[in-house]
Amino acid sequence: MNQMKPVKPAPARRAQAKQTQGRAAAMMAARTWHSCSGAFFAPAILFFSITGAFQTFNLHKPLPGYRPPAVLQALASMHKNQNLHVKYADDPAPKAPKGGERAKADKPDDSPRPAPASVIAQGVLKVFAALVSVGLAATTVLGLYMSWQTSRRRAVLLWFAAGMVLPMLAMLAV
């Protein structure tokens, strides 16, 4: 009978096949690590991008005629100081100046006013920073969606939960 014997790959082909398998395994490990670490850091990325957008426009600072919501002040404090101690949430009325001293607010503003081009450039940069914040949040959400669709869902969910819970526990300990 005429039986066909399998052709053994040449040594070069075997080495190339092993190299290809090694690359595939490395790529799979990198994708898994990327998915899990991305899920872990996603809550922090979302938090800092959103609170950063609020801070870009100083929505966390009290100004004359504007008292920011306490939640914005607390979020800004977490973002900037890594604690929940809001310094200006319920500040008492300013103290009267001593003796002949004048309050800083009573002093005439001797600083030169910025040029209109500078004010416009600052506004453009603020809008750009806000767009970066929105883009960062959107791509993070997209990355979470992609990770959810292409990886082990339970692992992604556990890493995401850990990325939310661990910073919260640390914040409560401060």
Protein backbone atom coordinates (compact mmCIF):
# COMPACT_ATOMS: atom_id res chain seq x y z
CA MET A 1 0.00 0.00 0.00
CA ASN A 2 1.00 3.46 -0.69
CA GLN A 3 0.79 5.46 2.54
CA MET A 4 1.84 9.05 2.65
CA LYS A 5 4.21 9.93 5.41
CA PRO A 6 3.77 13.39 6.95
CA VAL A 7 6.42 15.78 5.85
CA LYS A 8 8.45 17.00 8.76
CA PRO A 9 9.06 20.72 8.70
CA ALA A 10 12.58 21.80 8.13
CA PRO A 11 14.43 22.99 11.23
CA ALA A 12 14.05 26.59 10.07
CA ARG A 13 10.29 26.18 9.78
CA ARG A 14 10.09 24.65 13.26
CA ALA A 15 12.04 27.53 14.72
CA GLN A 16 9.82 30.03 12.89
CA ALA A 17 6.69 28.27 14.15
CA LYS A 18 7.98 28.38 17.74
CA GLN A 19 8.88 32.04 17.34
CA THR A 20 5.39 32.81 16.00
CA GLN A 21 3.81 30.93 18.92
CA GLY A 22 6.02 32.85 21.33
CA ARG A 23 4.99 36.17 19.81
CA ALA A 24 1.32 35.22 19.95
CA ALA A 25 1.63 34.21 23.60
CA ALA A 26 3.45 37.45 24.42
CA MET A 27 0.79 39.48 22.60
CA MET A 28 -1.99 37.66 24.45
CA ALA A 29 -0.25 38.31 27.78
CA ALA A 30 0.17 41.98 26.89
CA ARG A 31 -3.51 42.28 25.93
CA THR A 32 -4.59 40.63 29.18
CA TRP A 33 -2.32 42.89 31.25
CA HIS A 34 -3.52 45.97 29.34
CA SER A 35 -7.15 45.03 29.83
CA CYS A 36 -6.81 44.37 33.57
CA SER A 37 -4.62 47.38 34.33
CA GLY A 38 -6.85 49.61 32.21
CA ALA A 39 -9.90 48.44 34.13
CA PHE A 40 -8.08 49.05 37.43
CA PHE A 41 -6.99 52.61 36.55
CA ALA A 42 -10.18 53.59 34.66
CA PRO A 43 -12.07 54.90 37.74
CA ALA A 44 -9.14 57.18 38.66
CA ILE A 45 -8.75 58.39 35.07
CA LEU A 46 -12.46 59.19 34.90
CA PHE A 47 -12.40 60.91 38.28
CA PHE A 48 -9.37 63.09 37.54
CA SER A 49 -10.50 63.99 34.02
CA ILE A 50 -13.98 65.05 35.15
CA THR A 51 -12.90 66.93 38.28
CA GLY A 52 -10.04 68.50 36.33
CA ALA A 53 -12.56 69.90 33.83
CA PHE A 54 -14.49 71.48 36.73
CA GLN A 55 -11.30 72.97 38.13
CA THR A 56 -10.26 74.36 34.76
CA PHE A 57 -13.16 76.79 34.98
CA ASN A 58 -12.76 77.32 38.76
CA LEU A 59 -16.21 75.90 39.47
CA HIS A 60 -14.89 74.68 42.84
CA LYS A 61 -13.83 78.09 44.15
CA PRO A 62 -16.14 80.53 45.85
CA LEU A 63 -16.22 83.85 44.08
CA PRO A 64 -18.21 86.99 44.77
CA GLY A 65 -21.80 86.10 44.03
CA TYR A 66 -21.03 82.39 43.53
CA ARG A 67 -20.95 79.69 46.15
CA PRO A 68 -19.97 76.35 44.67
CA PRO A 69 -21.87 73.23 45.68
CA ALA A 70 -20.26 71.34 48.54
CA VAL A 71 -19.85 68.25 46.35
CA LEU A 72 -17.69 70.21 43.86
CA GLN A 73 -15.57 71.53 46.71
CA ALA A 74 -15.12 68.04 48.14
CA LEU A 75 -14.26 66.56 44.72
CA ALA A 76 -11.74 69.34 44.11
CA SER A 77 -10.19 68.71 47.50
CA MET A 78 -9.84 65.01 46.68
CA HIS A 79 -8.34 65.88 43.29
CA LYS A 80 -5.85 68.48 44.53
CA ASN A 81 -5.11 67.53 48.14
CA GLN A 82 -6.04 63.84 48.33
CA ASN A 83 -8.33 64.47 51.29
CA LEU A 84 -11.88 65.51 52.04
CA HIS A 85 -10.97 68.53 54.12
CA VAL A 86 -12.50 71.44 52.26
CA LYS A 87 -10.81 74.58 53.48
CA TYR A 88 -13.38 77.05 52.26
CA ALA A 89 -16.70 75.25 52.56
CA ASP A 90 -17.98 77.27 55.53
CA ASP A 91 -15.34 79.92 56.07
CA PRO A 92 -16.27 82.49 58.71
CA ALA A 93 -16.56 86.13 57.76
CA PRO A 94 -13.17 87.77 57.17
CA LYS A 95 -11.62 89.32 60.26
CA ALA A 96 -11.45 93.08 60.50
CA PRO A 97 -7.97 94.49 59.88
CA LYS A 98 -5.96 95.50 62.94
CA GLY A 99 -5.37 99.13 63.79
CA GLY A 100 -4.39 101.24 60.79
CA GLU A 101 -3.91 98.27 58.46
CA ARG A 102 -6.12 98.10 55.42
CA ALA A 103 -7.57 94.87 54.21
CA LYS A 104 -6.05 93.43 51.07
CA ALA A 105 -9.36 93.83 49.29
CA ASP A 106 -9.36 97.54 50.13
CA LYS A 107 -6.01 98.12 48.44
CA PRO A 108 -6.13 99.39 44.90
CA ASP A 109 -5.14 96.83 42.34
CA ASP A 110 -1.72 97.99 41.14
CA SER A 111 -1.08 94.97 38.96
CA PRO A 112 -1.31 95.62 35.24
CA ARG A 113 -4.29 94.20 33.44
CA PRO A 114 -3.53 91.38 31.04
CA ALA A 115 -3.66 92.17 27.35
CA PRO A 116 -6.87 91.14 25.55
CA ALA A 117 -4.88 88.66 23.47
CA SER A 118 -3.67 87.03 26.69
CA VAL A 119 -7.24 86.73 28.00
CA ILE A 120 -8.37 85.18 24.72
CA ALA A 121 -5.42 82.76 24.71
CA GLN A 122 -6.23 81.75 28.28
CA GLY A 123 -9.86 81.12 27.32
CA VAL A 124 -8.80 79.03 24.34
CA LEU A 125 -6.46 76.99 26.56
CA LYS A 126 -9.24 76.44 29.10
CA VAL A 127 -11.58 75.18 26.38
CA PHE A 128 -8.79 72.95 25.05
CA ALA A 129 -8.15 71.54 28.55
CA ALA A 130 -11.87 70.85 28.94
CA LEU A 131 -11.92 69.08 25.56
CA VAL A 132 -8.93 67.01 26.62
CA SER A 133 -10.83 66.05 29.78
CA VAL A 134 -13.90 65.04 27.77
CA GLY A 135 -11.74 63.12 25.28
CA LEU A 136 -9.89 61.32 28.04
CA ALA A 137 -13.13 60.32 29.75
CA ALA A 138 -14.69 59.20 26.45
CA THR A 139 -11.71 57.09 25.40
CA THR A 140 -11.54 55.55 28.87
CA VAL A 141 -15.19 54.54 28.65
CA LEU A 142 -14.55 53.19 25.14
CA GLY A 143 -11.57 51.21 26.43
CA LEU A 144 -13.69 49.74 29.21
CA TYR A 145 -16.34 48.75 26.67
CA MET A 146 -13.75 47.12 24.42
CA SER A 147 -12.20 45.30 27.36
CA TRP A 148 -15.63 44.12 28.45
CA GLN A 149 -16.34 42.75 24.96
CA THR A 150 -12.99 41.06 24.29
CA SER A 151 -11.75 39.84 27.68
CA ARG A 152 -12.93 37.79 30.56
CA ARG A 153 -15.77 39.87 31.91
CA ARG A 154 -15.44 38.74 35.50
CA ALA A 155 -11.76 39.72 35.62
CA VAL A 156 -12.49 43.12 34.08
CA LEU A 157 -15.30 43.73 36.55
CA LEU A 158 -13.16 42.69 39.52
CA TRP A 159 -10.24 44.91 38.48
CA PHE A 160 -12.63 47.83 37.88
CA ALA A 161 -14.21 47.33 41.31
CA ALA A 162 -10.77 47.15 42.92
CA GLY A 163 -9.82 50.38 41.15
CA MET A 164 -12.86 52.05 42.71
CA VAL A 165 -12.81 50.55 46.20
CA LEU A 166 -9.10 50.78 47.08
CA PRO A 167 -8.81 54.57 46.56
CA MET A 168 -12.08 55.10 48.43
CA LEU A 169 -10.80 53.13 51.40
CA ALA A 170 -7.54 55.07 51.35
CA MET A 171 -9.49 58.35 51.18
CA LEU A 172 -11.58 57.38 54.20
CA ALA A 173 -8.42 56.55 56.13
CA VAL A 174 -6.99 60.05 55.61
